N, C-alpha and C. Protein backbone atom coordinates (compact mmCIF):
# COMPACT_ATOMS: atom_id res chain seq x y z
N LEU A 1 27.95 -57.31 41.08
CA LEU A 1 28.43 -57.43 42.44
C LEU A 1 28.32 -56.10 43.19
N ALA A 2 28.56 -55.00 42.50
CA ALA A 2 28.50 -53.69 43.16
C ALA A 2 27.12 -53.40 43.74
N ASP A 3 26.09 -54.04 43.22
CA ASP A 3 24.74 -53.84 43.74
C ASP A 3 24.51 -54.61 45.04
N GLN A 4 25.44 -55.50 45.40
CA GLN A 4 25.25 -56.37 46.56
C GLN A 4 26.16 -56.03 47.74
N VAL A 5 27.01 -55.02 47.61
CA VAL A 5 27.97 -54.70 48.67
C VAL A 5 27.92 -53.21 49.00
N ASP A 6 28.50 -52.85 50.16
CA ASP A 6 28.56 -51.44 50.56
C ASP A 6 29.81 -50.75 50.05
N PHE A 7 30.86 -51.51 49.82
CA PHE A 7 32.11 -50.97 49.28
C PHE A 7 32.95 -52.11 48.73
N MET A 8 33.98 -51.76 48.00
CA MET A 8 34.95 -52.75 47.51
C MET A 8 36.34 -52.27 47.89
N MET A 9 37.23 -53.25 48.05
CA MET A 9 38.62 -52.93 48.34
C MET A 9 39.50 -53.66 47.34
N SER A 10 40.39 -52.90 46.73
CA SER A 10 41.37 -53.48 45.82
C SER A 10 42.63 -53.75 46.63
N VAL A 11 42.93 -55.02 46.86
CA VAL A 11 44.12 -55.42 47.62
C VAL A 11 45.17 -55.83 46.61
N GLU A 12 46.29 -55.09 46.63
CA GLU A 12 47.31 -55.29 45.60
C GLU A 12 48.71 -55.34 46.20
N MET A 13 49.59 -56.00 45.50
CA MET A 13 51.00 -56.04 45.89
C MET A 13 51.78 -55.08 44.99
N ASN A 14 51.29 -53.84 44.92
CA ASN A 14 51.92 -52.81 44.10
C ASN A 14 51.39 -51.45 44.55
N ALA A 15 51.65 -50.45 43.75
CA ALA A 15 51.26 -49.08 44.12
C ALA A 15 49.84 -48.72 43.67
N GLY A 16 49.05 -49.69 43.26
CA GLY A 16 47.66 -49.42 42.92
C GLY A 16 47.34 -49.39 41.45
N GLN A 17 47.97 -50.24 40.68
CA GLN A 17 47.73 -50.25 39.24
C GLN A 17 46.33 -50.71 38.86
N MET A 18 45.66 -51.49 39.71
CA MET A 18 44.34 -52.02 39.36
C MET A 18 43.18 -51.25 39.97
N VAL A 19 43.43 -50.42 40.96
CA VAL A 19 42.33 -49.76 41.66
C VAL A 19 41.49 -48.91 40.72
N GLU A 20 42.10 -48.26 39.76
CA GLU A 20 41.31 -47.45 38.81
C GLU A 20 40.42 -48.33 37.95
N ASP A 21 40.89 -49.50 37.58
CA ASP A 21 40.06 -50.43 36.81
C ASP A 21 38.87 -50.91 37.63
N VAL A 22 39.09 -51.15 38.92
CA VAL A 22 37.99 -51.57 39.79
C VAL A 22 36.97 -50.44 39.88
N LYS A 23 37.43 -49.20 40.04
CA LYS A 23 36.51 -48.06 40.10
C LYS A 23 35.69 -47.94 38.82
N LEU A 24 36.33 -48.15 37.69
CA LEU A 24 35.60 -48.11 36.42
C LEU A 24 34.56 -49.23 36.34
N ALA A 25 34.92 -50.40 36.84
CA ALA A 25 34.02 -51.55 36.76
C ALA A 25 32.77 -51.37 37.62
N VAL A 26 32.90 -50.71 38.77
CA VAL A 26 31.73 -50.54 39.64
C VAL A 26 30.89 -49.34 39.25
N GLU A 27 31.38 -48.56 38.30
CA GLU A 27 30.62 -47.44 37.74
C GLU A 27 30.10 -46.47 38.79
N GLY A 28 30.87 -46.24 39.85
CA GLY A 28 30.48 -45.28 40.88
C GLY A 28 29.37 -45.75 41.81
N LYS A 29 28.97 -47.01 41.71
CA LYS A 29 27.87 -47.51 42.54
C LYS A 29 28.26 -47.64 44.01
N VAL A 30 29.53 -47.94 44.27
CA VAL A 30 30.03 -48.07 45.65
C VAL A 30 31.42 -47.47 45.72
N PRO A 31 31.83 -47.03 46.92
CA PRO A 31 33.21 -46.55 47.05
C PRO A 31 34.20 -47.71 46.90
N VAL A 32 35.37 -47.39 46.38
CA VAL A 32 36.43 -48.38 46.23
C VAL A 32 37.63 -47.90 47.04
N TYR A 33 38.10 -48.76 47.93
CA TYR A 33 39.25 -48.45 48.76
C TYR A 33 40.44 -49.27 48.29
N PHE A 34 41.62 -48.79 48.64
CA PHE A 34 42.86 -49.43 48.19
C PHE A 34 43.71 -49.86 49.38
N LYS A 35 44.18 -51.09 49.34
CA LYS A 35 45.15 -51.59 50.32
C LYS A 35 46.30 -52.16 49.52
N GLY A 36 47.43 -51.48 49.56
CA GLY A 36 48.57 -51.92 48.77
C GLY A 36 49.78 -52.16 49.62
N ARG A 37 50.61 -53.05 49.14
CA ARG A 37 51.86 -53.35 49.81
C ARG A 37 52.90 -53.61 48.75
N MET A 38 54.05 -52.99 48.93
CA MET A 38 55.11 -53.16 47.94
C MET A 38 56.30 -53.86 48.58
N GLY A 39 57.28 -54.18 47.77
CA GLY A 39 58.50 -54.78 48.28
C GLY A 39 58.40 -56.28 48.48
N GLY A 40 57.44 -56.92 47.81
CA GLY A 40 57.32 -58.38 47.90
C GLY A 40 56.61 -58.88 49.14
N MET A 41 56.12 -57.97 49.97
CA MET A 41 55.40 -58.36 51.19
C MET A 41 53.95 -58.68 50.83
N ILE A 42 53.51 -59.87 51.15
CA ILE A 42 52.14 -60.29 50.86
C ILE A 42 51.24 -59.81 51.99
N PRO A 43 50.15 -59.10 51.67
CA PRO A 43 49.21 -58.69 52.73
C PRO A 43 48.60 -59.93 53.38
N THR A 44 48.58 -59.95 54.69
CA THR A 44 48.01 -61.09 55.40
C THR A 44 46.49 -60.90 55.52
N PRO A 45 45.78 -62.00 55.76
CA PRO A 45 44.34 -61.85 55.99
C PRO A 45 44.05 -60.89 57.15
N GLU A 46 44.90 -60.91 58.17
CA GLU A 46 44.73 -60.00 59.30
C GLU A 46 44.87 -58.54 58.88
N ASP A 47 45.82 -58.26 57.99
CA ASP A 47 45.99 -56.90 57.47
C ASP A 47 44.72 -56.43 56.77
N ILE A 48 44.15 -57.31 55.98
CA ILE A 48 42.96 -56.97 55.20
C ILE A 48 41.76 -56.76 56.12
N VAL A 49 41.58 -57.66 57.09
CA VAL A 49 40.48 -57.53 58.04
C VAL A 49 40.62 -56.23 58.83
N GLU A 50 41.83 -55.91 59.25
CA GLU A 50 42.07 -54.67 60.00
C GLU A 50 41.67 -53.44 59.17
N GLU A 51 42.02 -53.45 57.90
CA GLU A 51 41.67 -52.34 57.02
C GLU A 51 40.15 -52.22 56.86
N ILE A 52 39.47 -53.35 56.69
CA ILE A 52 38.01 -53.35 56.56
C ILE A 52 37.38 -52.82 57.84
N GLU A 53 37.88 -53.26 59.00
CA GLU A 53 37.33 -52.80 60.27
C GLU A 53 37.52 -51.29 60.44
N MET A 54 38.66 -50.77 60.01
CA MET A 54 38.89 -49.32 60.10
C MET A 54 37.91 -48.56 59.23
N ILE A 55 37.64 -49.06 58.04
CA ILE A 55 36.68 -48.41 57.15
C ILE A 55 35.30 -48.39 57.80
N ILE A 56 34.89 -49.52 58.36
CA ILE A 56 33.57 -49.61 58.98
C ILE A 56 33.50 -48.76 60.25
N GLU A 57 34.54 -48.79 61.08
CA GLU A 57 34.56 -48.01 62.33
C GLU A 57 34.46 -46.52 62.06
N LYS A 58 35.06 -46.06 61.00
CA LYS A 58 35.01 -44.64 60.67
C LYS A 58 33.66 -44.27 60.07
N GLN A 59 32.79 -45.27 59.97
CA GLN A 59 31.45 -45.11 59.42
C GLN A 59 31.49 -44.51 58.03
N ILE A 60 32.54 -44.87 57.31
CA ILE A 60 32.62 -44.48 55.91
C ILE A 60 31.57 -45.27 55.14
N VAL A 61 31.23 -46.44 55.68
CA VAL A 61 30.25 -47.33 55.07
C VAL A 61 29.06 -47.40 56.02
N PRO A 62 27.85 -47.33 55.51
CA PRO A 62 26.68 -47.44 56.38
C PRO A 62 26.66 -48.78 57.12
N GLN A 63 26.39 -48.74 58.41
CA GLN A 63 26.25 -49.96 59.21
C GLN A 63 24.89 -50.59 58.91
N VAL A 64 24.87 -51.89 58.73
CA VAL A 64 23.61 -52.59 58.43
C VAL A 64 23.14 -53.32 59.66
């Protein structure tokens, strides 16, 4: 999958326990970003889209 995307985002309901595993799985092929929320709050689809848009707007990821 890492060969088919510009970046990956680990969306978690914790302080980021899985993000390191995701980074290991992609073997440095793409950047991995983290979106976490604690306290039982579920990230909404809008929260996730907003985070993706911010990453793209900052041109952290090449525009295609």
